[in-house]
Protein backbone atom coordinates (compact mmCIF):
# COMPACT_ATOMS: atom_id res chain seq x y z
CA MET A 1 -2.53 -13.95 -8.66
CA ALA A 2 -5.30 -11.73 -10.10
CA CYS A 3 -4.93 -8.39 -11.91
CA LYS A 4 -6.05 -5.30 -9.98
CA ARG A 5 -7.60 -3.83 -13.13
CA CYS A 6 -9.48 -6.69 -14.79
CA GLY A 7 -9.08 -9.77 -12.59
CA GLY A 8 -7.03 -11.59 -15.26
CA LEU A 9 -4.07 -13.89 -14.74
CA ILE A 10 -0.79 -12.26 -13.64
CA VAL A 11 2.54 -13.72 -14.75
CA LYS A 12 6.04 -12.84 -13.53
CA GLU A 13 8.48 -11.60 -16.18
CA SER A 14 12.13 -10.63 -16.13
CA VAL A 15 13.02 -7.90 -18.61
CA TYR A 16 16.13 -5.84 -19.21
CA ASP A 17 16.17 -2.21 -18.15
CA ARG A 18 14.94 0.08 -20.94
CA GLU A 19 18.04 2.26 -20.89
CA GLY A 20 20.22 -0.45 -22.37
CA SER A 21 21.86 -1.62 -19.18
CA SER A 22 22.29 -5.29 -18.39
CA GLN A 23 20.15 -5.00 -15.24
CA LEU A 24 17.14 -7.34 -15.09
CA VAL A 25 13.89 -5.98 -13.68
CA LEU A 26 11.20 -8.30 -12.30
CA MET A 27 7.64 -7.26 -13.10
CA ASP A 28 4.10 -8.62 -13.07
CA ARG A 29 2.09 -8.52 -16.31
CA CYS A 30 -1.58 -9.35 -16.86
CA LEU A 31 -2.18 -11.76 -19.73
CA GLN A 32 -5.66 -10.38 -20.33
CA CYS A 33 -5.36 -6.55 -20.30
CA GLY A 34 -1.56 -6.13 -20.44
CA ASN A 35 -1.33 -4.11 -17.23
CA ILE A 36 2.27 -4.04 -16.00
CA GLU A 37 3.23 -3.72 -12.35
CA ASP A 38 6.86 -3.15 -11.49
CA PRO A 39 8.47 -1.68 -8.35
CA VAL A 40 8.90 1.78 -9.90
CA SER A 41 5.28 1.99 -11.10
CA ALA A 42 3.96 0.80 -7.74
CA ARG A 43 6.06 3.40 -5.89
CA ASN A 44 4.96 6.21 -8.21
CA ARG A 45 1.28 5.30 -7.84
CA SER A 46 1.56 5.25 -4.07
CA GLN A 47 3.22 8.69 -3.99
CA SER A 48 0.75 10.49 -6.28
CA PRO A 49 -2.72 8.98 -5.92
CA VAL A 50 -5.32 9.73 -8.59
CA PRO A 51 -8.21 11.83 -7.24
CA PRO A 52 -11.46 9.82 -6.98
CA SER A 53 -13.12 12.15 -9.49
CA GLN A 54 -10.53 11.18 -12.16
CA LYS A 55 -10.71 7.40 -11.69
CA SER A 56 -14.05 6.78 -13.36
CA LYS A 57 -14.06 9.55 -15.94
CA ALA A 58 -14.48 8.29 -19.47
CA ARG A 59 -12.58 9.96 -22.26
CA ARG A 60 -14.92 12.35 -24.06
CA ILE A 61 -15.01 12.21 -27.84
CA PRO A 62 -15.19 15.74 -29.23
CA ASP A 63 -18.17 16.67 -31.36
CA HIS A 64 -17.48 16.82 -35.07
CA PRO A 65 -19.38 19.22 -37.33
CA ARG A 66 -19.96 16.49 -39.94
CA THR A 67 -21.43 13.03 -39.43
CA PRO A 68 -19.36 9.96 -40.43
CA LEU A 69 -21.64 9.46 -43.45
CA GLU A 70 -21.08 13.04 -44.64
CA MET A 71 -17.32 12.64 -44.23
CA ALA A 72 -17.34 9.38 -46.25
CA GLU A 73 -19.22 11.02 -49.08
CA GLY A 74 -16.60 13.75 -49.30
């Protein structure tokens, strides 16, 4: 199976519920990018889709008044 994000190899994993219960949860994890798909995540993504304008937006790095060289010099 291929990852939806990067095309990497997906492996099946059984992990315990995060709240300390003894319930095992089956999930898919990508060995390349670490993307995790479990039933809860899949359901949440299907209920609140990301607008197309937000999918390809890169995170903007804010401008800094000083250059890295000026900051290193003190």
